[in-house]
Amino acid sequence: MNQLKIAFFDAKEYDRQSFEAANVSGEFSIRFLETRLTPDTYKLAEGCDVVCVFVNDEIDSFVIDKLCSMGIRLIALRCAGYNNVDVEYAYGKIHVVRVPAYSPYAVAEHAMAMLLTSIRRIHKAYIRTKDFNFSLDGLTGFDLHGKTVGVIGTGKIGRIFIDICRGFGMNVIAYDKFPAADSGIEYVSLESLWSRSDIISLHCPLTDENRHMINAATIDQMKKGVVIINTSRGALIDTEALVDGIKSRKIGAACLDVYEEESNIFFHDYSNHIVNDDVLARLISMPNVIVTSHQAFLTNEALSNIADTTLANIREFFASDRCVNEVCYKCGKIADCKQLHDKKCF
């Protein structure tokens, strides 16, 4: 097999390090590009066999057509989510693969880290003691033990987060469109989850069906003082409704690793610039909101697994008719789809 050429978009230094380590034999020729893949940048992939993309790259019908016209045969996502790819339009034109699980522990642990930081005011205490201010005024938190946490999405990450919560002595309820059989998890309706939960944590993919699942109407059903955690996708939450809920004191705190308008902001340093996003600025200014910049996945173990799995996906695609991590719009959605991922989807 000739050396495969990969156009690697939205590359950061940690990406380069992990992929170069995984490609130490030089099996692949990787062109690292700092820019995101968009309708304005697709030409940078010319001459390559594969594009490797992340969560904020834009792979719409226009980009798909252009990639196909350049002879690119594979879109390799180095993440689990694929809501930024028009997978229905891609079907029959270009194959899509993903990394379904890189380190579910990384994301679940980050969700708990944000929760503990928020409710025990650790971020505030850290800043105070740097100024030798050792007052405890305003730092009162609450116990997690005995509280009810509602977990939306019980895939690998959601179930690990549930295990962590149980370790704190919390009561767990959950919602999933496809409940995990024999899991011992108490599944409830969304309406019940909204009304019973002291803490709500999102661990589900973004779909057209659940976009803005947390909105003004659902916030109104929640307990006063509820804490909301989102380490999944920003658009699961209507951000304007979230801001209103915080201002009205209905929402007690928010821990956000994702944001629905993050694509042009997250992963970049704007510390010396004015960010033209008033909603994000309002969120960050609120004392009961913690925002991290989509870093929940960012551990050494996860980066290594992402690189290994992505290159394995590419290798498998070009070496055989099998593609176990392929994504297509039929899988899990079309009733008569018989795909067992023992062959390519088309």
C-alpha atoms as a PDB file:
ATOM      1  CA  MET A   1       0.000   0.000   0.000  1.00  0.00           C
ATOM      2  CA  ASN A   2       1.296   3.457  -0.878  1.00  0.00           C
ATOM      3  CA  GLN A   3       1.782   5.902   1.982  1.00  0.00           C
ATOM      4  CA  LEU A   4      -1.619   7.393   2.765  1.00  0.00           C
ATOM      5  CA  LYS A   5      -1.826  11.169   2.981  1.00  0.00           C
ATOM      6  CA  ILE A   6      -3.914  12.751   5.731  1.00  0.00           C
ATOM      7  CA  ALA A   7      -4.996  16.403   5.913  1.00  0.00           C
ATOM      8  CA  PHE A   8      -5.282  17.031   9.642  1.00  0.00           C
ATOM      9  CA  PHE A   9      -7.482  20.079  10.325  1.00  0.00           C
ATOM     10  CA  ASP A  10      -7.747  22.188  13.498  1.00  0.00           C
ATOM     11  CA  ALA A  11      -4.439  20.787  14.735  1.00  0.00           C
ATOM     12  CA  LYS A  12      -3.101  21.757  18.140  1.00  0.00           C
ATOM     13  CA  GLU A  13       0.309  20.987  19.622  1.00  0.00           C
ATOM     14  CA  TYR A  14      -1.107  18.173  21.763  1.00  0.00           C
ATOM     15  CA  ASP A  15      -2.662  16.645  18.625  1.00  0.00           C
ATOM     16  CA  ARG A  16       0.630  16.775  16.795  1.00  0.00           C
ATOM     17  CA  GLN A  17       2.485  15.120  19.679  1.00  0.00           C
ATOM     18  CA  SER A  18       0.018  12.260  20.110  1.00  0.00           C
ATOM     19  CA  PHE A  19      -0.377  11.530  16.389  1.00  0.00           C
ATOM     20  CA  GLU A  20       3.337  11.720  15.692  1.00  0.00           C
ATOM     21  CA  ALA A  21       3.892   9.226  18.514  1.00  0.00           C
ATOM     22  CA  ALA A  22       1.230   6.916  17.068  1.00  0.00           C
ATOM     23  CA  ASN A  23       2.757   7.293  13.581  1.00  0.00           C
ATOM     24  CA  VAL A  24       6.361   6.843  14.653  1.00  0.00           C
ATOM     25  CA  SER A  25       6.930   4.271  11.875  1.00  0.00           C
ATOM     26  CA  GLY A  26       5.993   6.861   9.232  1.00  0.00           C
ATOM     27  CA  GLU A  27       3.185   4.696   7.877  1.00  0.00           C
ATOM     28  CA  PHE A  28       1.101   7.811   7.158  1.00  0.00           C
ATOM     29  CA  SER A  29       1.995  11.214   5.762  1.00  0.00           C
ATOM     30  CA  ILE A  30       0.168  13.717   7.975  1.00  0.00           C
ATOM     31  CA  ARG A  31      -0.244  17.358   6.936  1.00  0.00           C
ATOM     32  CA  PHE A  32      -1.036  19.251  10.155  1.00  0.00           C
ATOM     33  CA  LEU A  33      -3.185  22.357   9.527  1.00  0.00           C
ATOM     34  CA  GLU A  34      -4.061  24.906  12.199  1.00  0.00           C
ATOM     35  CA  THR A  35      -7.233  26.055  10.444  1.00  0.00           C
ATOM     36  CA  ARG A  36     -10.611  24.369  10.776  1.00  0.00           C
ATOM     37  CA  LEU A  37     -12.148  22.558   7.817  1.00  0.00           C
ATOM     38  CA  THR A  38     -14.804  24.893   6.400  1.00  0.00           C
ATOM     39  CA  PRO A  39     -16.225  25.790   2.982  1.00  0.00           C
ATOM     40  CA  ASP A  40     -13.375  28.316   2.750  1.00  0.00           C
ATOM     41  CA  THR A  41     -10.488  25.973   3.638  1.00  0.00           C
ATOM     42  CA  TYR A  42     -11.284  22.618   2.004  1.00  0.00           C
ATOM     43  CA  LYS A  43      -8.702  23.211  -0.754  1.00  0.00           C
ATOM     44  CA  LEU A  44      -5.932  22.686   1.812  1.00  0.00           C
ATOM     45  CA  ALA A  45      -6.768  18.976   1.643  1.00  0.00           C
ATOM     46  CA  GLU A  46      -5.951  18.724  -2.051  1.00  0.00           C
ATOM     47  CA  GLY A  47      -3.721  15.755  -2.858  1.00  0.00           C
ATOM     48  CA  CYS A  48      -4.686  13.848   0.290  1.00  0.00           C
ATOM     49  CA  ASP A  49      -6.582  10.583   0.725  1.00  0.00           C
ATOM     50  CA  VAL A  50      -8.167  11.387   4.084  1.00  0.00           C
ATOM     51  CA  VAL A  51      -9.286  14.414   6.086  1.00  0.00           C
ATOM     52  CA  CYS A  52      -8.993  14.146   9.868  1.00  0.00           C
ATOM     53  CA  VAL A  53     -11.389  16.485  11.681  1.00  0.00           C
ATOM     54  CA  PHE A  54     -12.576  17.473  15.148  1.00  0.00           C
ATOM     55  CA  VAL A  55     -15.752  18.772  16.790  1.00  0.00           C
ATOM     56  CA  ASN A  56     -15.816  22.293  15.330  1.00  0.00           C
ATOM     57  CA  ASP A  57     -14.937  21.497  11.718  1.00  0.00           C
ATOM     58  CA  GLU A  58     -17.807  22.081   9.272  1.00  0.00           C
ATOM     59  CA  ILE A  59     -18.529  19.133   6.999  1.00  0.00           C
ATOM     60  CA  ASP A  60     -21.693  20.140   5.168  1.00  0.00           C
ATOM     61  CA  SER A  61     -22.929  19.105   1.713  1.00  0.00           C
ATOM     62  CA  PHE A  62     -20.751  21.712  -0.019  1.00  0.00           C
ATOM     63  CA  VAL A  63     -17.584  20.511   1.717  1.00  0.00           C
ATOM     64  CA  ILE A  64     -18.488  16.858   1.100  1.00  0.00           C
ATOM     65  CA  ASP A  65     -18.895  17.496  -2.637  1.00  0.00           C
ATOM     66  CA  LYS A  66     -15.586  19.333  -2.792  1.00  0.00           C
ATOM     67  CA  LEU A  67     -13.744  16.597  -0.900  1.00  0.00           C
ATOM     68  CA  CYS A  68     -15.190  13.978  -3.242  1.00  0.00           C
ATOM     69  CA  SER A  69     -14.193  15.991  -6.294  1.00  0.00           C
ATOM     70  CA  MET A  70     -10.598  16.000  -5.019  1.00  0.00           C
ATOM     71  CA  GLY A  71     -10.591  12.219  -4.673  1.00  0.00           C
ATOM     72  CA  ILE A  72     -10.730  12.121  -0.878  1.00  0.00           C
ATOM     73  CA  ARG A  73     -12.371   8.877   0.205  1.00  0.00           C
ATOM     74  CA  LEU A  74     -12.581   9.116   3.976  1.00  0.00           C
ATOM     75  CA  ILE A  75     -13.531  11.600   6.709  1.00  0.00           C
ATOM     76  CA  ALA A  76     -11.858  10.471   9.937  1.00  0.00           C
ATOM     77  CA  LEU A  77     -13.346  12.086  13.020  1.00  0.00           C
ATOM     78  CA  ARG A  78     -10.993  12.067  15.995  1.00  0.00           C
ATOM     79  CA  CYS A  79     -13.935  12.354  18.394  1.00  0.00           C
ATOM     80  CA  ALA A  80     -17.120  10.478  19.253  1.00  0.00           C
ATOM     81  CA  GLY A  81     -19.731  13.056  18.212  1.00  0.00           C
ATOM     82  CA  TYR A  82     -20.552  13.660  14.559  1.00  0.00           C
ATOM     83  CA  ASN A  83     -23.319  16.260  14.583  1.00  0.00           C
ATOM     84  CA  ASN A  84     -21.023  18.560  12.571  1.00  0.00           C
ATOM     85  CA  VAL A  85     -21.077  16.135   9.630  1.00  0.00           C
ATOM     86  CA  ASP A  86     -24.008  15.832   7.216  1.00  0.00           C
ATOM     87  CA  VAL A  87     -23.883  12.035   7.393  1.00  0.00           C
ATOM     88  CA  GLU A  88     -27.063  11.574   5.363  1.00  0.00           C
ATOM     89  CA  TYR A  89     -25.643  13.589   2.464  1.00  0.00           C
ATOM     90  CA  ALA A  90     -22.306  11.778   2.804  1.00  0.00           C
ATOM     91  CA  TYR A  91     -23.917   8.362   2.326  1.00  0.00           C
ATOM     92  CA  GLY A  92     -22.879   6.855  -0.999  1.00  0.00           C
ATOM     93  CA  LYS A  93     -20.311   9.610  -1.572  1.00  0.00           C
ATOM     94  CA  ILE A  94     -17.668   9.515   1.147  1.00  0.00           C
ATOM     95  CA  HIS A  95     -17.196   7.293   4.178  1.00  0.00           C
ATOM     96  CA  VAL A  96     -17.114   8.635   7.746  1.00  0.00           C
ATOM     97  CA  VAL A  97     -15.423   7.005  10.734  1.00  0.00           C
ATOM     98  CA  ARG A  98     -15.158   8.118  14.348  1.00  0.00           C
ATOM     99  CA  VAL A  99     -13.574   7.289  17.713  1.00  0.00           C
ATOM    100  CA  PRO A 100     -16.560   6.022  19.724  1.00  0.00           C
ATOM    101  CA  ALA A 101     -14.693   5.775  23.035  1.00  0.00           C
ATOM    102  CA  TYR A 102     -11.287   7.232  23.813  1.00  0.00           C
ATOM    103  CA  SER A 103     -11.396   7.774  27.558  1.00  0.00           C
ATOM    104  CA  PRO A 104     -14.889   7.910  29.002  1.00  0.00           C
ATOM    105  CA  TYR A 105     -13.229   8.263  32.404  1.00  0.00           C
ATOM    106  CA  ALA A 106     -11.670  11.575  31.338  1.00  0.00           C
ATOM    107  CA  VAL A 107     -15.028  13.177  30.524  1.00  0.00           C
ATOM    108  CA  ALA A 108     -16.923  11.705  33.477  1.00  0.00           C
ATOM    109  CA  GLU A 109     -14.182  12.739  35.907  1.00  0.00           C
ATOM    110  CA  HIS A 110     -14.125  16.267  34.465  1.00  0.00           C
ATOM    111  CA  ALA A 111     -17.887  16.547  34.959  1.00  0.00           C
ATOM    112  CA  MET A 112     -17.485  15.628  38.629  1.00  0.00           C
ATOM    113  CA  ALA A 113     -14.473  17.937  38.992  1.00  0.00           C
ATOM    114  CA  MET A 114     -16.528  20.885  37.742  1.00  0.00           C
ATOM    115  CA  LEU A 115     -19.421  19.969  40.030  1.00  0.00           C
ATOM    116  CA  LEU A 116     -17.199  19.792  43.121  1.00  0.00           C
ATOM    117  CA  THR A 117     -15.388  22.979  42.168  1.00  0.00           C
ATOM    118  CA  SER A 118     -18.696  24.800  41.791  1.00  0.00           C
ATOM    119  CA  ILE A 119     -20.610  23.659  44.851  1.00  0.00           C
ATOM    120  CA  ARG A 120     -17.611  23.860  47.221  1.00  0.00           C
ATOM    121  CA  ARG A 121     -16.462  27.217  45.758  1.00  0.00           C
ATOM    122  CA  ILE A 122     -12.947  25.858  45.203  1.00  0.00           C
ATOM    123  CA  HIS A 123     -12.260  28.245  42.319  1.00  0.00           C
ATOM    124  CA  LYS A 124     -13.137  31.210  44.540  1.00  0.00           C
ATOM    125  CA  ALA A 125     -11.047  29.935  47.454  1.00  0.00           C
ATOM    126  CA  TYR A 126      -8.049  29.432  45.153  1.00  0.00           C
ATOM    127  CA  ILE A 127      -8.189  33.045  43.972  1.00  0.00           C
ATOM    128  CA  ARG A 128      -8.676  34.371  47.522  1.00  0.00           C
ATOM    129  CA  THR A 129      -5.756  32.535  49.068  1.00  0.00           C
ATOM    130  CA  LYS A 130      -3.469  33.761  46.262  1.00  0.00           C
ATOM    131  CA  ASP A 131      -4.175  37.213  47.711  1.00  0.00           C
ATOM    132  CA  PHE A 132      -3.682  35.893  51.276  1.00  0.00           C
ATOM    133  CA  ASN A 133      -7.406  36.307  51.913  1.00  0.00           C
ATOM    134  CA  PHE A 134      -8.381  33.418  54.171  1.00  0.00           C
ATOM    135  CA  SER A 135     -11.947  34.506  54.941  1.00  0.00           C
ATOM    136  CA  LEU A 136     -14.622  31.829  54.559  1.00  0.00           C
ATOM    137  CA  ASP A 137     -17.447  34.284  53.921  1.00  0.00           C
ATOM    138  CA  GLY A 138     -19.422  33.336  50.829  1.00  0.00           C
ATOM    139  CA  LEU A 139     -17.783  29.918  50.437  1.00  0.00           C
ATOM    140  CA  THR A 140     -20.539  27.780  51.980  1.00  0.00           C
ATOM    141  CA  GLY A 141     -21.430  24.813  49.765  1.00  0.00           C
ATOM    142  CA  PHE A 142     -23.582  21.713  50.181  1.00  0.00           C
ATOM    143  CA  ASP A 143     -23.080  17.949  50.551  1.00  0.00           C
ATOM    144  CA  LEU A 144     -23.458  15.705  47.532  1.00  0.00           C
ATOM    145  CA  HIS A 145     -24.342  12.761  49.773  1.00  0.00           C
ATOM    146  CA  GLY A 146     -28.078  12.096  49.611  1.00  0.00           C
ATOM    147  CA  LYS A 147     -28.705  14.468  46.686  1.00  0.00           C
ATOM    148  CA  THR A 148     -30.472  13.262  43.540  1.00  0.00           C
ATOM    149  CA  VAL A 149     -28.587  13.486  40.273  1.00  0.00           C
ATOM    150  CA  GLY A 150     -30.385  13.122  36.952  1.00  0.00           C
ATOM    151  CA  VAL A 151     -28.164  11.721  34.199  1.00  0.00           C
ATOM    152  CA  ILE A 152     -29.290  12.147  30.598  1.00  0.00           C
ATOM    153  CA  GLY A 153     -27.542   9.607  28.402  1.00  0.00           C
ATOM    154  CA  THR A 154     -26.258   6.310  29.800  1.00  0.00           C
ATOM    155  CA  GLY A 155     -23.593   5.349  27.324  1.00  0.00           C
ATOM    156  CA  LYS A 156     -20.073   4.627  28.569  1.00  0.00           C
ATOM    157  CA  ILE A 157     -19.469   8.163  29.863  1.00  0.00           C
ATOM    158  CA  GLY A 158     -22.878   8.454  31.489  1.00  0.00           C
ATOM    159  CA  ARG A 159     -22.532   5.119  33.275  1.00  0.00           C
ATOM    160  CA  ILE A 160     -19.060   5.973  34.567  1.00  0.00           C
ATOM    161  CA  PHE A 161     -20.396   9.291  35.858  1.00  0.00           C
ATOM    162  CA  ILE A 162     -23.204   7.372  37.557  1.00  0.00           C
ATOM    163  CA  ASP A 163     -20.644   5.118  39.277  1.00  0.00           C
ATOM    164  CA  ILE A 164     -18.746   8.182  40.498  1.00  0.00           C
ATOM    165  CA  CYS A 165     -21.955   9.719  41.848  1.00  0.00           C
ATOM    166  CA  ARG A 166     -22.863   6.515  43.644  1.00  0.00           C
ATOM    167  CA  GLY A 167     -19.440   6.628  45.278  1.00  0.00           C
ATOM    168  CA  PHE A 168     -20.472   9.962  46.800  1.00  0.00           C
ATOM    169  CA  GLY A 169     -23.672   8.418  48.158  1.00  0.00           C
ATOM    170  CA  MET A 170     -25.930  10.179  45.679  1.00  0.00           C
ATOM    171  CA  ASN A 171     -29.309   8.948  44.458  1.00  0.00           C
ATOM    172  CA  VAL A 172     -29.200   8.406  40.685  1.00  0.00           C
ATOM    173  CA  ILE A 173     -32.043   8.605  38.185  1.00  0.00           C
ATOM    174  CA  ALA A 174     -31.539   8.596  34.433  1.00  0.00           C
ATOM    175  CA  TYR A 175     -33.127   9.068  31.059  1.00  0.00           C
ATOM    176  CA  ASP A 176     -32.032   7.439  27.818  1.00  0.00           C
ATOM    177  CA  LYS A 177     -33.992   6.811  24.646  1.00  0.00           C
ATOM    178  CA  PHE A 178     -32.391   3.374  24.633  1.00  0.00           C
ATOM    179  CA  PRO A 179     -32.069   2.250  28.285  1.00  0.00           C
ATOM    180  CA  ALA A 180     -29.180  -0.068  29.151  1.00  0.00           C
ATOM    181  CA  ALA A 181     -30.581  -3.512  29.938  1.00  0.00           C
ATOM    182  CA  ASP A 182     -29.815  -5.094  33.319  1.00  0.00           C
ATOM    183  CA  SER A 183     -27.828  -2.017  34.383  1.00  0.00           C
ATOM    184  CA  GLY A 184     -29.503  -1.478  37.742  1.00  0.00           C
ATOM    185  CA  ILE A 185     -30.140   2.141  36.726  1.00  0.00           C
ATOM    186  CA  GLU A 186     -33.470   3.726  37.634  1.00  0.00           C
ATOM    187  CA  TYR A 187     -34.804   5.092  34.358  1.00  0.00           C
ATOM    188  CA  VAL A 188     -37.480   7.781  34.489  1.00  0.00           C
ATOM    189  CA  SER A 189     -39.224  10.104  32.064  1.00  0.00           C
ATOM    190  CA  LEU A 190     -37.637  13.450  31.259  1.00  0.00           C
ATOM    191  CA  GLU A 191     -40.483  15.181  33.071  1.00  0.00           C
ATOM    192  CA  SER A 192     -39.731  13.205  36.220  1.00  0.00           C
ATOM    193  CA  LEU A 193     -36.010  13.817  35.877  1.00  0.00           C
ATOM    194  CA  TRP A 194     -36.497  17.591  35.565  1.00  0.00           C
ATOM    195  CA  SER A 195     -38.675  17.777  38.667  1.00  0.00           C
ATOM    196  CA  ARG A 196     -36.761  15.388  40.955  1.00  0.00           C
ATOM    197  CA  SER A 197     -33.114  16.228  40.283  1.00  0.00           C
ATOM    198  CA  ASP A 198     -30.924  18.442  42.446  1.00  0.00           C
ATOM    199  CA  ILE A 199     -28.207  18.111  39.792  1.00  0.00           C
ATOM    200  CA  ILE A 200     -28.632  17.378  36.072  1.00  0.00           C
ATOM    201  CA  SER A 201     -25.722  16.138  33.953  1.00  0.00           C
ATOM    202  CA  LEU A 202     -25.842  15.776  30.165  1.00  0.00           C
ATOM    203  CA  HIS A 203     -24.028  12.833  28.561  1.00  0.00           C
ATOM    204  CA  CYS A 204     -25.879  12.361  25.281  1.00  0.00           C
ATOM    205  CA  PRO A 205     -25.053  13.112  21.634  1.00  0.00           C
ATOM    206  CA  LEU A 206     -26.643  16.090  19.898  1.00  0.00           C
ATOM    207  CA  THR A 207     -29.476  15.272  17.495  1.00  0.00           C
ATOM    208  CA  ASP A 208     -32.237  17.257  15.833  1.00  0.00           C
ATOM    209  CA  GLU A 209     -34.606  15.714  18.363  1.00  0.00           C
ATOM    210  CA  ASN A 210     -32.787  16.839  21.513  1.00  0.00           C
ATOM    211  CA  ARG A 211     -31.407  20.209  20.384  1.00  0.00           C
ATOM    212  CA  HIS A 212     -32.208  22.747  23.139  1.00  0.00           C
ATOM    213  CA  MET A 213     -33.659  19.998  25.325  1.00  0.00           C
ATOM    214  CA  ILE A 214     -32.913  22.330  28.232  1.00  0.00           C
ATOM    215  CA  ASN A 215     -34.991  25.398  27.448  1.00  0.00           C
ATOM    216  CA  ALA A 216     -37.322  27.851  29.158  1.00  0.00           C
ATOM    217  CA  ALA A 217     -40.129  25.289  29.427  1.00  0.00           C
ATOM    218  CA  THR A 218     -37.990  22.493  30.858  1.00  0.00           C
ATOM    219  CA  ILE A 219     -36.144  24.837  33.224  1.00  0.00           C
ATOM    220  CA  ASP A 220     -39.527  25.857  34.589  1.00  0.00           C
ATOM    221  CA  GLN A 221     -40.121  22.207  35.587  1.00  0.00           C
ATOM    222  CA  MET A 222     -36.852  21.966  37.544  1.00  0.00           C
ATOM    223  CA  LYS A 223     -36.205  22.397  41.250  1.00  0.00           C
ATOM    224  CA  LYS A 224     -35.197  25.836  42.436  1.00  0.00           C
ATOM    225  CA  GLY A 225     -31.407  25.878  42.774  1.00  0.00           C
ATOM    226  CA  VAL A 226     -30.730  23.004  40.378  1.00  0.00           C
ATOM    227  CA  VAL A 227     -27.133  22.574  39.171  1.00  0.00           C
ATOM    228  CA  ILE A 228     -26.678  21.851  35.456  1.00  0.00           C
ATOM    229  CA  ILE A 229     -23.571  20.149  34.025  1.00  0.00           C
ATOM    230  CA  ASN A 230     -22.862  19.852  30.307  1.00  0.00           C
ATOM    231  CA  THR A 231     -19.802  18.011  28.983  1.00  0.00           C
ATOM    232  CA  SER A 232     -21.508  16.779  25.800  1.00  0.00           C
ATOM    233  CA  ARG A 233     -22.599  19.325  23.181  1.00  0.00           C
ATOM    234  CA  GLY A 234     -23.393  22.998  23.689  1.00  0.00           C
ATOM    235  CA  ALA A 235     -26.608  23.062  21.682  1.00  0.00           C
ATOM    236  CA  LEU A 236     -28.299  20.655  24.082  1.00  0.00           C
ATOM    237  CA  ILE A 237     -28.941  23.837  26.081  1.00  0.00           C
ATOM    238  CA  ASP A 238     -30.717  26.998  24.934  1.00  0.00           C
ATOM    239  CA  THR A 239     -28.102  29.402  26.274  1.00  0.00           C
ATOM    240  CA  GLU A 240     -30.418  32.421  26.454  1.00  0.00           C
ATOM    241  CA  ALA A 241     -32.872  30.377  28.517  1.00  0.00           C
ATOM    242  CA  LEU A 242     -30.003  29.226  30.738  1.00  0.00           C
ATOM    243  CA  VAL A 243     -28.932  32.821  31.378  1.00  0.00           C
ATOM    244  CA  ASP A 244     -32.518  33.781  32.232  1.00  0.00           C
ATOM    245  CA  GLY A 245     -32.793  30.778  34.571  1.00  0.00           C
ATOM    246  CA  ILE A 246     -29.631  31.802  36.397  1.00  0.00           C
ATOM    247  CA  LYS A 247     -30.734  35.437  36.672  1.00  0.00           C
ATOM    248  CA  SER A 248     -34.118  34.403  38.088  1.00  0.00           C
ATOM    249  CA  ARG A 249     -32.319  32.185  40.674  1.00  0.00           C
ATOM    250  CA  LYS A 250     -34.113  29.093  39.330  1.00  0.00           C
ATOM    251  CA  ILE A 251     -30.757  27.602  38.327  1.00  0.00           C
ATOM    252  CA  GLY A 252     -28.316  27.569  41.220  1.00  0.00           C
ATOM    253  CA  ALA A 253     -25.180  26.894  39.191  1.00  0.00           C
ATOM    254  CA  ALA A 254     -24.000  25.826  35.740  1.00  0.00           C
ATOM    255  CA  CYS A 255     -20.858  23.867  34.846  1.00  0.00           C
ATOM    256  CA  LEU A 256     -20.223  24.072  31.109  1.00  0.00           C
ATOM    257  CA  ASP A 257     -17.416  22.441  29.160  1.00  0.00           C
ATOM    258  CA  VAL A 258     -19.250  23.128  25.904  1.00  0.00           C
ATOM    259  CA  TYR A 259     -21.129  26.083  24.448  1.00  0.00           C
ATOM    260  CA  GLU A 260     -23.433  26.188  21.446  1.00  0.00           C
ATOM    261  CA  GLU A 261     -21.533  29.022  19.732  1.00  0.00           C
ATOM    262  CA  GLU A 262     -18.081  27.748  20.659  1.00  0.00           C
ATOM    263  CA  SER A 263     -16.738  26.946  17.186  1.00  0.00           C
ATOM    264  CA  ASN A 264     -14.990  30.292  16.587  1.00  0.00           C
ATOM    265  CA  ILE A 265     -13.951  30.793  20.223  1.00  0.00           C
ATOM    266  CA  PHE A 266     -12.919  27.607  22.001  1.00  0.00           C
ATOM    267  CA  PHE A 267      -9.370  26.251  21.506  1.00  0.00           C
ATOM    268  CA  HIS A 268      -8.029  29.770  20.846  1.00  0.00           C
ATOM    269  CA  ASP A 269      -6.368  32.405  23.037  1.00  0.00           C
ATOM    270  CA  TYR A 270      -8.420  35.616  23.107  1.00  0.00           C
ATOM    271  CA  SER A 271      -6.966  36.939  26.353  1.00  0.00           C
ATOM    272  CA  ASN A 272      -5.763  40.102  24.615  1.00  0.00           C
ATOM    273  CA  HIS A 273      -8.887  40.580  22.516  1.00  0.00           C
ATOM    274  CA  ILE A 274     -12.519  41.541  22.976  1.00  0.00           C
ATOM    275  CA  VAL A 275     -14.747  38.536  22.336  1.00  0.00           C
ATOM    276  CA  ASN A 276     -17.836  39.576  20.424  1.00  0.00           C
ATOM    277  CA  ASP A 277     -20.175  37.149  22.126  1.00  0.00           C
ATOM    278  CA  ASP A 278     -22.287  38.946  24.691  1.00  0.00           C
ATOM    279  CA  VAL A 279     -24.053  35.783  25.879  1.00  0.00           C
ATOM    280  CA  LEU A 280     -20.790  33.985  26.647  1.00  0.00           C
ATOM    281  CA  ALA A 281     -19.445  37.124  28.324  1.00  0.00           C
ATOM    282  CA  ARG A 282     -22.521  37.248  30.565  1.00  0.00           C
ATOM    283  CA  LEU A 283     -22.141  33.581  31.472  1.00  0.00           C
ATOM    284  CA  ILE A 284     -18.463  33.924  32.365  1.00  0.00           C
ATOM    285  CA  SER A 285     -19.196  37.000  34.468  1.00  0.00           C
ATOM    286  CA  MET A 286     -21.686  35.112  36.651  1.00  0.00           C
ATOM    287  CA  PRO A 287     -20.205  33.904  39.962  1.00  0.00           C
ATOM    288  CA  ASN A 288     -22.114  30.606  39.889  1.00  0.00           C
ATOM    289  CA  VAL A 289     -21.037  29.599  36.378  1.00  0.00           C
ATOM    290  CA  ILE A 290     -17.900  27.638  35.503  1.00  0.00           C
ATOM    291  CA  VAL A 291     -16.864  27.474  31.837  1.00  0.00           C
ATOM    292  CA  THR A 292     -14.041  25.283  30.569  1.00  0.00           C
ATOM    293  CA  SER A 293     -13.144  25.271  26.889  1.00  0.00           C
ATOM    294  CA  HIS A 294     -14.130  21.771  25.744  1.00  0.00           C
ATOM    295  CA  GLN A 295     -11.267  20.235  27.708  1.00  0.00           C
ATOM    296  CA  ALA A 296     -13.075  17.318  29.345  1.00  0.00           C
ATOM    297  CA  PHE A 297     -11.442  14.846  26.931  1.00  0.00           C
ATOM    298  CA  LEU A 298      -7.947  16.253  27.434  1.00  0.00           C
ATOM    299  CA  THR A 299      -5.880  13.627  29.248  1.00  0.00           C
ATOM    300  CA  ASN A 300      -2.731  11.835  28.130  1.00  0.00           C
ATOM    301  CA  GLU A 301      -4.621   8.558  28.023  1.00  0.00           C
ATOM    302  CA  ALA A 302      -7.433   9.974  25.891  1.00  0.00           C
ATOM    303  CA  LEU A 303      -5.080  11.656  23.412  1.00  0.00           C
ATOM    304  CA  SER A 304      -3.151   8.422  22.966  1.00  0.00           C
ATOM    305  CA  ASN A 305      -6.344   6.413  22.452  1.00  0.00           C
ATOM    306  CA  ILE A 306      -7.712   8.983  19.979  1.00  0.00           C
ATOM    307  CA  ALA A 307      -4.548   8.848  17.869  1.00  0.00           C
ATOM    308  CA  ASP A 308      -4.298   5.047  17.937  1.00  0.00           C
ATOM    309  CA  THR A 309      -7.974   4.501  17.081  1.00  0.00           C
ATOM    310  CA  THR A 310      -8.071   7.167  14.355  1.00  0.00           C
ATOM    311  CA  LEU A 311      -5.061   5.719  12.551  1.00  0.00           C
ATOM    312  CA  ALA A 312      -6.431   2.182  13.037  1.00  0.00           C
ATOM    313  CA  ASN A 313      -9.724   3.321  11.447  1.00  0.00           C
ATOM    314  CA  ILE A 314      -7.862   4.727   8.443  1.00  0.00           C
ATOM    315  CA  ARG A 315      -5.679   1.640   8.125  1.00  0.00           C
ATOM    316  CA  GLU A 316      -8.683  -0.696   8.292  1.00  0.00           C
ATOM    317  CA  PHE A 317     -10.677   1.319   5.759  1.00  0.00           C
ATOM    318  CA  PHE A 318      -7.998   1.181   3.087  1.00  0.00           C
ATOM    319  CA  ALA A 319      -6.766  -2.354   3.814  1.00  0.00           C
ATOM    320  CA  SER A 320     -10.066  -4.251   4.013  1.00  0.00           C
ATOM    321  CA  ASP A 321     -13.784  -4.109   3.353  1.00  0.00           C
ATOM    322  CA  ARG A 322     -14.430  -3.858   7.087  1.00  0.00           C
ATOM    323  CA  CYS A 323     -14.881  -0.597   8.964  1.00  0.00           C
ATOM    324  CA  VAL A 324     -16.069  -1.218  12.507  1.00  0.00           C
ATOM    325  CA  ASN A 325     -16.244   2.464  13.507  1.00  0.00           C
ATOM    326  CA  GLU A 326     -18.050   3.733  10.411  1.00  0.00           C
ATOM    327  CA  VAL A 327     -20.845   6.277  10.837  1.00  0.00           C
ATOM    328  CA  CYS A 328     -23.831   6.469   8.521  1.00  0.00           C
ATOM    329  CA  TYR A 329     -27.303   7.919   8.808  1.00  0.00           C
ATOM    330  CA  LYS A 330     -28.927   4.477   8.597  1.00  0.00           C
ATOM    331  CA  CYS A 331     -27.214   2.852  11.561  1.00  0.00           C
ATOM    332  CA  GLY A 332     -29.556   2.690  14.527  1.00  0.00           C
ATOM    333  CA  LYS A 333     -32.210   4.778  12.777  1.00  0.00           C
ATOM    334  CA  ILE A 334     -33.504   2.889   9.749  1.00  0.00           C
ATOM    335  CA  ALA A 335     -35.613  -0.080  10.837  1.00  0.00           C
ATOM    336  CA  ASP A 336     -34.478  -2.415   8.059  1.00  0.00           C
ATOM    337  CA  CYS A 337     -30.756  -1.597   8.394  1.00  0.00           C
ATOM    338  CA  LYS A 338     -28.918  -4.916   8.812  1.00  0.00           C
ATOM    339  CA  GLN A 339     -25.451  -3.412   9.128  1.00  0.00           C
ATOM    340  CA  LEU A 340     -23.308  -5.298  11.663  1.00  0.00           C
ATOM    341  CA  HIS A 341     -20.185  -3.275  10.811  1.00  0.00           C
ATOM    342  CA  ASP A 342     -18.514  -6.374   9.414  1.00  0.00           C
ATOM    343  CA  LYS A 343     -18.337  -4.536   6.086  1.00  0.00           C
ATOM    344  CA  LYS A 344     -18.468  -0.950   4.833  1.00  0.00           C
ATOM    345  CA  CYS A 345     -21.863   0.757   4.784  1.00  0.00           C
ATOM    346  CA  PHE A 346     -21.781   1.214   1.011  1.00  0.00           C
END
